[in-house]
């Protein structure tokens, strides 16, 4: 089950998120990824001013997904941002030990830079979209061949206490 949720006022929200995110500088590179900036590897007690703002913004959309899944409640386990400049990418991977993976697109200058899910038709994604899919689905961020930056906020979540 894959959800693409269109958010409201994302242009204004994204500008505010980028003001917070652009204050954090932490280049990251390993075998599976080449990301120009992320807070993934920073200590958990490092200041992440964007999180409260983001959580307040995303809450009603997570509530909508919860209703679609017949879930009485949901929880976010962890959250981080990633930025991709020219030649950056993130190889195929999964998010084990979580029900769902979520990707919010803060900057997506080209549809070809959207998250790809293995064995799934190309998703039509744009800035302001929230992509939600099972954490065990293989997915990746394709190579950025453009000169424009892509910025996402990703988080793992669970939906609990099902009814029907």
N, C-alpha and C. Protein backbone atom coordinates (compact mmCIF):
# COMPACT_ATOMS: atom_id res chain seq x y z
N UNK A 1 0.83 -1.17 0.00
CA UNK A 1 0.00 0.00 0.00
C UNK A 1 0.89 1.24 0.00
N UNK A 2 0.72 2.08 -0.99
CA UNK A 2 1.51 3.31 -1.13
C UNK A 2 0.54 4.48 -1.13
N UNK A 3 0.88 5.50 -0.34
CA UNK A 3 0.07 6.72 -0.27
C UNK A 3 0.91 7.90 -0.75
N UNK A 4 0.33 8.72 -1.61
CA UNK A 4 0.92 10.01 -1.96
C UNK A 4 -0.09 11.06 -1.49
N UNK A 5 0.30 11.80 -0.48
CA UNK A 5 -0.59 12.79 0.13
C UNK A 5 -0.16 14.18 -0.31
N UNK A 6 -1.09 14.92 -0.90
CA UNK A 6 -0.84 16.30 -1.30
C UNK A 6 -1.08 17.19 -0.08
N UNK A 7 -0.10 18.01 0.27
CA UNK A 7 -0.26 18.89 1.43
C UNK A 7 -0.65 20.29 0.99
N UNK A 8 -1.19 21.05 1.93
CA UNK A 8 -1.61 22.43 1.66
C UNK A 8 -0.56 23.41 2.17
N UNK A 9 -0.47 24.54 1.51
CA UNK A 9 0.45 25.63 1.90
C UNK A 9 1.91 25.18 1.94
N UNK A 10 2.25 24.19 1.13
CA UNK A 10 3.60 23.64 1.19
C UNK A 10 4.67 24.64 0.75
N UNK A 11 4.33 25.55 -0.12
CA UNK A 11 5.33 26.53 -0.56
C UNK A 11 5.84 27.35 0.62
N UNK A 12 4.93 27.86 1.42
CA UNK A 12 5.29 28.64 2.61
C UNK A 12 5.98 27.74 3.66
N UNK A 13 5.42 26.57 3.89
CA UNK A 13 5.97 25.62 4.87
C UNK A 13 7.40 25.26 4.48
N UNK A 14 7.62 24.95 3.20
CA UNK A 14 8.94 24.53 2.75
C UNK A 14 9.98 25.63 2.91
N UNK A 15 9.60 26.88 2.68
CA UNK A 15 10.54 28.00 2.88
C UNK A 15 10.99 28.05 4.34
N UNK A 16 10.04 27.89 5.26
CA UNK A 16 10.38 27.92 6.68
C UNK A 16 11.23 26.72 7.06
N UNK A 17 10.88 25.55 6.54
CA UNK A 17 11.68 24.35 6.83
C UNK A 17 13.12 24.52 6.34
N UNK A 18 13.29 25.08 5.14
CA UNK A 18 14.63 25.26 4.60
C UNK A 18 15.46 26.25 5.42
N UNK A 19 14.82 27.25 6.01
CA UNK A 19 15.56 28.18 6.88
C UNK A 19 16.17 27.42 8.06
N UNK A 20 15.41 26.51 8.63
CA UNK A 20 15.92 25.69 9.73
C UNK A 20 17.00 24.71 9.25
N UNK A 21 16.68 23.99 8.18
CA UNK A 21 17.56 22.93 7.69
C UNK A 21 18.89 23.48 7.21
N UNK A 22 18.88 24.60 6.52
CA UNK A 22 20.11 25.15 5.96
C UNK A 22 21.10 25.62 7.02
N UNK A 23 20.69 25.67 8.27
CA UNK A 23 21.61 26.02 9.36
C UNK A 23 22.45 24.82 9.79
N UNK A 24 22.04 23.63 9.40
CA UNK A 24 22.73 22.40 9.78
C UNK A 24 23.65 21.98 8.64
N UNK A 25 24.91 21.79 8.93
CA UNK A 25 25.88 21.37 7.91
C UNK A 25 26.54 20.08 8.36
N UNK A 26 26.28 19.01 7.62
CA UNK A 26 26.82 17.70 7.96
C UNK A 26 26.89 16.83 6.72
N UNK A 27 27.92 17.00 5.88
CA UNK A 27 28.05 16.16 4.68
C UNK A 27 28.12 14.69 5.08
N UNK A 28 27.63 13.83 4.23
CA UNK A 28 27.56 12.41 4.56
C UNK A 28 27.83 11.59 3.32
N UNK A 29 28.74 10.64 3.43
CA UNK A 29 29.02 9.77 2.30
C UNK A 29 29.43 8.40 2.82
N UNK A 30 28.82 7.39 2.27
CA UNK A 30 29.18 6.01 2.57
C UNK A 30 28.96 5.20 1.30
N UNK A 31 29.19 3.91 1.38
CA UNK A 31 29.12 3.05 0.20
C UNK A 31 27.79 3.16 -0.53
N UNK A 32 26.68 3.19 0.22
CA UNK A 32 25.35 3.16 -0.40
C UNK A 32 24.78 4.53 -0.73
N UNK A 33 25.45 5.58 -0.26
CA UNK A 33 24.86 6.90 -0.48
C UNK A 33 25.92 7.97 -0.60
N UNK A 34 25.55 9.01 -1.27
CA UNK A 34 26.38 10.19 -1.41
C UNK A 34 25.42 11.37 -1.28
N UNK A 35 25.34 11.91 -0.08
CA UNK A 35 24.36 12.94 0.25
C UNK A 35 25.12 14.19 0.67
N UNK A 36 24.75 15.35 0.15
CA UNK A 36 25.54 16.55 0.45
C UNK A 36 25.28 17.10 1.85
N UNK A 37 24.12 16.81 2.45
CA UNK A 37 23.83 17.31 3.80
C UNK A 37 22.72 16.49 4.43
N UNK A 38 22.89 16.14 5.71
CA UNK A 38 21.89 15.39 6.44
C UNK A 38 22.15 15.52 7.94
N UNK A 39 21.13 15.29 8.73
CA UNK A 39 21.34 15.23 10.17
C UNK A 39 21.27 13.79 10.67
N UNK A 40 21.19 12.83 9.74
CA UNK A 40 21.09 11.41 10.10
C UNK A 40 22.19 10.97 11.06
N UNK A 41 23.43 11.34 10.78
CA UNK A 41 24.57 10.84 11.55
C UNK A 41 24.95 11.75 12.72
N UNK A 42 24.23 12.82 12.92
CA UNK A 42 24.53 13.70 14.06
C UNK A 42 24.01 13.06 15.34
N UNK A 43 24.63 13.37 16.48
CA UNK A 43 24.12 12.84 17.75
C UNK A 43 22.66 13.22 17.95
N UNK A 44 21.88 12.33 18.56
CA UNK A 44 20.44 12.56 18.74
C UNK A 44 20.13 13.80 19.56
N UNK A 45 21.08 14.23 20.39
CA UNK A 45 20.83 15.44 21.20
C UNK A 45 21.21 16.73 20.47
N UNK A 46 21.66 16.61 19.22
CA UNK A 46 21.98 17.79 18.42
C UNK A 46 20.70 18.58 18.13
N UNK A 47 20.78 19.88 18.17
CA UNK A 47 19.60 20.73 17.94
C UNK A 47 19.04 20.54 16.52
N UNK A 48 17.76 20.25 16.46
CA UNK A 48 17.04 20.09 15.19
C UNK A 48 15.76 20.92 15.26
N UNK A 49 15.94 22.22 15.08
CA UNK A 49 14.82 23.16 15.25
C UNK A 49 13.68 22.93 14.27
N UNK A 50 13.95 22.31 13.15
CA UNK A 50 12.91 22.10 12.15
C UNK A 50 11.88 21.06 12.58
N UNK A 51 12.25 20.16 13.51
CA UNK A 51 11.39 19.03 13.83
C UNK A 51 10.04 19.41 14.42
N UNK A 52 10.00 20.26 15.41
CA UNK A 52 8.70 20.65 16.00
C UNK A 52 7.81 21.30 14.96
N UNK A 53 8.38 22.17 14.17
CA UNK A 53 7.62 22.84 13.11
C UNK A 53 7.07 21.80 12.13
N UNK A 54 7.92 20.87 11.72
CA UNK A 54 7.52 19.84 10.77
C UNK A 54 6.45 18.92 11.37
N UNK A 55 6.65 18.47 12.60
CA UNK A 55 5.68 17.56 13.23
C UNK A 55 4.30 18.21 13.35
N UNK A 56 4.25 19.48 13.69
CA UNK A 56 2.96 20.18 13.76
C UNK A 56 2.30 20.26 12.39
N UNK A 57 3.09 20.48 11.36
CA UNK A 57 2.58 20.56 10.00
C UNK A 57 2.06 19.21 9.51
N UNK A 58 2.80 18.14 9.79
CA UNK A 58 2.50 16.83 9.20
C UNK A 58 1.40 16.08 9.94
N UNK A 59 1.11 16.47 11.17
CA UNK A 59 0.16 15.74 12.02
C UNK A 59 -1.19 15.48 11.36
N UNK A 60 -1.87 16.48 10.78
CA UNK A 60 -3.18 16.19 10.17
C UNK A 60 -3.11 15.21 9.00
N UNK A 61 -2.00 15.21 8.27
CA UNK A 61 -1.86 14.30 7.15
C UNK A 61 -1.61 12.87 7.64
N UNK A 62 -0.88 12.73 8.72
CA UNK A 62 -0.68 11.41 9.31
C UNK A 62 -2.01 10.90 9.88
N UNK A 63 -2.82 11.80 10.42
CA UNK A 63 -4.15 11.40 10.91
C UNK A 63 -5.01 10.88 9.76
N UNK A 64 -4.94 11.53 8.60
CA UNK A 64 -5.69 11.08 7.42
C UNK A 64 -5.27 9.68 7.00
N UNK A 65 -3.96 9.44 6.98
CA UNK A 65 -3.46 8.11 6.60
C UNK A 65 -3.91 7.08 7.63
N UNK A 66 -3.89 7.45 8.88
CA UNK A 66 -4.33 6.56 9.95
C UNK A 66 -5.78 6.11 9.74
N UNK A 67 -6.63 7.04 9.34
CA UNK A 67 -8.04 6.70 9.05
C UNK A 67 -8.12 5.72 7.88
N UNK A 68 -7.34 5.96 6.83
CA UNK A 68 -7.35 5.07 5.66
C UNK A 68 -6.89 3.66 6.02
N UNK A 69 -6.02 3.56 7.04
CA UNK A 69 -5.50 2.26 7.45
C UNK A 69 -6.32 1.64 8.59
N UNK A 70 -7.43 2.29 8.95
CA UNK A 70 -8.28 1.83 10.06
C UNK A 70 -7.47 1.71 11.36
N UNK A 71 -6.63 2.67 11.59
CA UNK A 71 -5.78 2.69 12.77
C UNK A 71 -6.25 3.78 13.72
N UNK A 72 -6.26 3.47 15.01
CA UNK A 72 -6.69 4.46 16.00
C UNK A 72 -5.58 5.43 16.37
N UNK A 73 -4.33 5.04 16.18
CA UNK A 73 -3.24 5.96 16.50
C UNK A 73 -1.99 5.63 15.68
N UNK A 74 -1.04 6.53 15.73
CA UNK A 74 0.20 6.39 14.99
C UNK A 74 1.33 7.01 15.78
N UNK A 75 2.55 6.68 15.39
CA UNK A 75 3.73 7.18 16.09
C UNK A 75 4.86 7.37 15.09
N UNK A 76 5.64 8.42 15.27
CA UNK A 76 6.86 8.64 14.49
C UNK A 76 8.02 8.16 15.36
N UNK A 77 8.86 7.29 14.79
CA UNK A 77 9.97 6.72 15.55
C UNK A 77 11.25 7.54 15.44
N UNK A 78 11.55 8.01 14.27
CA UNK A 78 12.73 8.85 14.06
C UNK A 78 12.51 9.68 12.80
N UNK A 79 13.30 10.74 12.69
CA UNK A 79 13.10 11.68 11.58
C UNK A 79 14.44 12.32 11.25
N UNK A 80 14.67 12.58 9.97
CA UNK A 80 15.92 13.19 9.53
C UNK A 80 15.68 13.85 8.18
N UNK A 81 16.59 14.76 7.82
CA UNK A 81 16.51 15.36 6.48
C UNK A 81 17.71 14.91 5.67
N UNK A 82 17.58 14.98 4.35
CA UNK A 82 18.67 14.70 3.43
C UNK A 82 18.60 15.70 2.29
N UNK A 83 19.77 16.16 1.86
CA UNK A 83 19.85 17.05 0.71
C UNK A 83 20.78 16.43 -0.32
N UNK A 84 20.37 16.53 -1.58
CA UNK A 84 21.11 15.94 -2.70
C UNK A 84 21.43 17.03 -3.71
N UNK A 85 22.72 17.21 -3.97
CA UNK A 85 23.17 18.12 -5.03
C UNK A 85 23.56 17.28 -6.24
N UNK A 86 24.11 17.93 -7.25
CA UNK A 86 24.53 17.22 -8.46
C UNK A 86 25.43 16.04 -8.09
N UNK A 87 25.15 14.89 -8.69
CA UNK A 87 25.90 13.63 -8.52
C UNK A 87 25.63 12.92 -7.19
N UNK A 88 24.69 13.40 -6.39
CA UNK A 88 24.33 12.72 -5.14
C UNK A 88 23.25 11.69 -5.40
N UNK A 89 23.18 10.67 -4.55
CA UNK A 89 22.22 9.58 -4.70
C UNK A 89 22.11 8.83 -3.38
N UNK A 90 21.16 7.91 -3.30
CA UNK A 90 21.04 6.95 -2.20
C UNK A 90 20.58 5.64 -2.82
N UNK A 91 21.40 4.60 -2.69
CA UNK A 91 21.14 3.31 -3.33
C UNK A 91 19.92 2.61 -2.74
N UNK A 92 19.52 1.50 -3.36
CA UNK A 92 18.39 0.70 -2.92
C UNK A 92 18.60 0.28 -1.46
N UNK A 93 17.56 0.46 -0.65
CA UNK A 93 17.63 0.08 0.76
C UNK A 93 16.21 -0.06 1.31
N UNK A 94 16.12 -0.61 2.51
CA UNK A 94 14.84 -0.71 3.22
C UNK A 94 15.01 -0.05 4.58
N UNK A 95 13.91 0.06 5.30
CA UNK A 95 13.94 0.57 6.67
C UNK A 95 13.39 -0.53 7.57
N UNK A 96 14.27 -1.41 8.04
CA UNK A 96 13.80 -2.53 8.87
C UNK A 96 13.28 -2.05 10.23
N UNK A 97 12.48 -2.88 10.84
CA UNK A 97 11.96 -2.64 12.18
C UNK A 97 11.04 -1.43 12.27
N UNK A 98 10.37 -1.12 11.18
CA UNK A 98 9.34 -0.09 11.20
C UNK A 98 8.20 -0.52 10.28
N UNK A 99 7.00 -0.05 10.55
CA UNK A 99 5.88 -0.38 9.68
C UNK A 99 5.95 0.40 8.36
N UNK A 100 6.12 1.71 8.47
CA UNK A 100 6.09 2.55 7.28
C UNK A 100 7.28 3.50 7.24
N UNK A 101 7.68 3.81 6.02
CA UNK A 101 8.66 4.85 5.74
C UNK A 101 7.91 5.98 5.08
N UNK A 102 8.29 7.20 5.41
CA UNK A 102 7.62 8.39 4.90
C UNK A 102 8.67 9.36 4.36
N UNK A 103 8.38 9.96 3.22
CA UNK A 103 9.28 10.93 2.62
C UNK A 103 8.46 12.18 2.28
N UNK A 104 8.87 13.31 2.85
CA UNK A 104 8.23 14.58 2.53
C UNK A 104 9.20 15.36 1.65
N UNK A 105 8.70 15.85 0.51
CA UNK A 105 9.54 16.53 -0.47
C UNK A 105 9.51 18.05 -0.26
N UNK A 106 10.60 18.55 0.30
CA UNK A 106 10.74 19.99 0.54
C UNK A 106 11.18 20.70 -0.74
N UNK A 107 12.18 20.13 -1.40
CA UNK A 107 12.64 20.62 -2.70
C UNK A 107 12.71 19.43 -3.66
N UNK A 108 12.00 19.53 -4.74
CA UNK A 108 12.03 18.48 -5.77
C UNK A 108 11.97 19.19 -7.13
N UNK A 109 13.13 19.62 -7.61
CA UNK A 109 13.16 20.46 -8.81
C UNK A 109 12.79 19.73 -10.10
N UNK A 110 12.79 18.40 -10.05
CA UNK A 110 12.52 17.63 -11.25
C UNK A 110 11.86 16.32 -10.84
N UNK A 111 10.80 15.94 -11.52
CA UNK A 111 10.08 14.70 -11.19
C UNK A 111 10.98 13.48 -11.23
N UNK A 112 12.02 13.52 -12.05
CA UNK A 112 12.93 12.37 -12.17
C UNK A 112 13.73 12.12 -10.90
N UNK A 113 13.74 13.07 -9.97
CA UNK A 113 14.49 12.93 -8.72
C UNK A 113 13.65 12.36 -7.59
N UNK A 114 12.39 12.05 -7.87
CA UNK A 114 11.51 11.50 -6.84
C UNK A 114 11.97 10.13 -6.38
N UNK A 115 11.62 9.77 -5.17
CA UNK A 115 11.96 8.46 -4.63
C UNK A 115 11.40 7.37 -5.55
N UNK A 116 12.22 6.37 -5.82
CA UNK A 116 11.81 5.23 -6.64
C UNK A 116 11.59 4.04 -5.72
N UNK A 117 10.53 3.29 -5.96
CA UNK A 117 10.25 2.08 -5.21
C UNK A 117 10.41 0.90 -6.16
N UNK A 118 11.20 -0.08 -5.73
CA UNK A 118 11.52 -1.25 -6.56
C UNK A 118 10.26 -1.98 -6.98
N UNK A 119 10.21 -2.35 -8.25
CA UNK A 119 9.07 -3.08 -8.84
C UNK A 119 7.77 -2.30 -8.78
N UNK A 120 7.86 -1.01 -8.83
CA UNK A 120 6.68 -0.14 -8.79
C UNK A 120 6.78 0.83 -9.96
N UNK A 121 5.65 1.11 -10.58
CA UNK A 121 5.68 2.09 -11.67
C UNK A 121 6.16 3.43 -11.14
N UNK A 122 6.69 4.24 -12.02
CA UNK A 122 7.23 5.56 -11.67
C UNK A 122 6.15 6.38 -10.97
N UNK A 123 6.48 6.92 -9.80
CA UNK A 123 5.54 7.73 -9.04
C UNK A 123 5.59 9.17 -9.52
N UNK A 124 4.44 9.80 -9.58
CA UNK A 124 4.37 11.21 -9.98
C UNK A 124 4.39 12.05 -8.69
N UNK A 125 5.57 12.52 -8.35
CA UNK A 125 5.78 13.24 -7.10
C UNK A 125 6.16 14.69 -7.38
N UNK A 126 5.83 15.56 -6.44
CA UNK A 126 6.21 16.96 -6.55
C UNK A 126 6.45 17.54 -5.17
N UNK A 127 7.04 18.73 -5.14
CA UNK A 127 7.29 19.40 -3.87
C UNK A 127 5.99 19.49 -3.07
N UNK A 128 6.11 19.23 -1.77
CA UNK A 128 4.94 19.29 -0.90
C UNK A 128 4.21 17.98 -0.77
N UNK A 129 4.63 16.95 -1.50
CA UNK A 129 4.00 15.64 -1.38
C UNK A 129 4.60 14.88 -0.20
N UNK A 130 3.75 14.07 0.44
CA UNK A 130 4.19 13.13 1.47
C UNK A 130 3.98 11.73 0.91
N UNK A 131 5.08 11.01 0.74
CA UNK A 131 5.05 9.64 0.24
C UNK A 131 5.16 8.69 1.43
N UNK A 132 4.22 7.75 1.54
CA UNK A 132 4.19 6.79 2.64
C UNK A 132 4.08 5.39 2.06
N UNK A 133 4.95 4.49 2.50
CA UNK A 133 4.96 3.11 1.99
C UNK A 133 5.56 2.19 3.04
N UNK A 134 5.28 0.88 2.93
CA UNK A 134 5.83 -0.07 3.91
C UNK A 134 7.36 0.01 3.99
N UNK A 135 7.88 -0.05 5.20
CA UNK A 135 9.31 0.08 5.42
C UNK A 135 10.15 -1.02 4.79
N UNK A 136 9.53 -2.17 4.48
CA UNK A 136 10.29 -3.27 3.88
C UNK A 136 10.40 -3.13 2.36
N UNK A 137 9.75 -2.14 1.74
CA UNK A 137 9.87 -1.93 0.30
C UNK A 137 11.27 -1.37 -0.01
N UNK A 138 11.95 -1.99 -0.98
CA UNK A 138 13.21 -1.42 -1.44
C UNK A 138 12.92 -0.11 -2.16
N UNK A 139 13.72 0.90 -1.85
CA UNK A 139 13.54 2.21 -2.48
C UNK A 139 14.89 2.91 -2.56
N UNK A 140 14.93 3.96 -3.37
CA UNK A 140 16.18 4.72 -3.52
C UNK A 140 15.88 6.14 -3.97
N UNK A 141 16.91 6.97 -3.83
CA UNK A 141 16.90 8.30 -4.42
C UNK A 141 17.84 8.22 -5.62
N UNK A 142 17.32 8.43 -6.82
CA UNK A 142 18.18 8.28 -8.01
C UNK A 142 19.26 9.35 -8.07
N UNK A 143 20.25 9.10 -8.88
CA UNK A 143 21.35 10.03 -9.10
C UNK A 143 20.81 11.38 -9.54
N UNK A 144 21.25 12.42 -8.87
CA UNK A 144 20.84 13.78 -9.25
C UNK A 144 21.75 14.25 -10.38
N UNK A 145 21.21 14.29 -11.58
CA UNK A 145 21.97 14.73 -12.75
C UNK A 145 21.79 16.21 -13.03
N UNK A 146 20.98 16.87 -12.20
CA UNK A 146 20.72 18.29 -12.40
C UNK A 146 21.68 19.13 -11.55
N UNK A 147 21.62 20.43 -11.73
CA UNK A 147 22.42 21.34 -10.90
C UNK A 147 21.59 21.89 -9.74
N UNK A 148 20.36 21.41 -9.61
CA UNK A 148 19.46 21.89 -8.54
C UNK A 148 19.43 20.89 -7.39
N UNK A 149 19.23 21.42 -6.20
CA UNK A 149 19.23 20.61 -4.99
C UNK A 149 17.86 20.00 -4.72
N UNK A 150 17.88 18.78 -4.22
CA UNK A 150 16.69 18.08 -3.74
C UNK A 150 16.81 18.00 -2.22
N UNK A 151 15.72 18.31 -1.51
CA UNK A 151 15.69 18.21 -0.05
C UNK A 151 14.47 17.42 0.37
N UNK A 152 14.67 16.42 1.22
CA UNK A 152 13.57 15.63 1.76
C UNK A 152 13.66 15.60 3.28
N UNK A 153 12.52 15.36 3.90
CA UNK A 153 12.48 14.99 5.31
C UNK A 153 11.88 13.59 5.32
N UNK A 154 12.62 12.67 5.91
CA UNK A 154 12.18 11.28 5.95
C UNK A 154 11.93 10.88 7.39
N UNK A 155 10.97 9.99 7.60
CA UNK A 155 10.72 9.48 8.94
C UNK A 155 10.07 8.12 8.88
N UNK A 156 10.29 7.36 9.94
CA UNK A 156 9.70 6.03 10.08
C UNK A 156 8.53 6.13 11.05
N UNK A 157 7.47 5.39 10.74
CA UNK A 157 6.26 5.49 11.56
C UNK A 157 5.58 4.14 11.69
N UNK A 158 4.71 4.05 12.68
CA UNK A 158 3.84 2.87 12.82
C UNK A 158 2.43 3.35 13.05
N UNK A 159 1.53 2.54 12.58
CA UNK A 159 0.10 2.75 12.81
C UNK A 159 -0.38 1.59 13.67
N UNK A 160 -1.14 1.88 14.72
CA UNK A 160 -1.48 0.88 15.73
C UNK A 160 -2.96 0.88 16.06
N UNK A 161 -3.35 -0.14 16.84
CA UNK A 161 -4.74 -0.26 17.36
C UNK A 161 -5.75 -0.17 16.23
N UNK A 162 -5.76 -1.18 15.41
CA UNK A 162 -6.64 -1.22 14.24
C UNK A 162 -8.07 -1.57 14.61
N UNK A 163 -8.99 -1.03 13.83
CA UNK A 163 -10.41 -1.31 14.02
C UNK A 163 -11.01 -1.63 12.67
N UNK A 164 -12.16 -2.24 12.63
CA UNK A 164 -12.96 -2.45 11.42
C UNK A 164 -14.03 -3.46 11.69
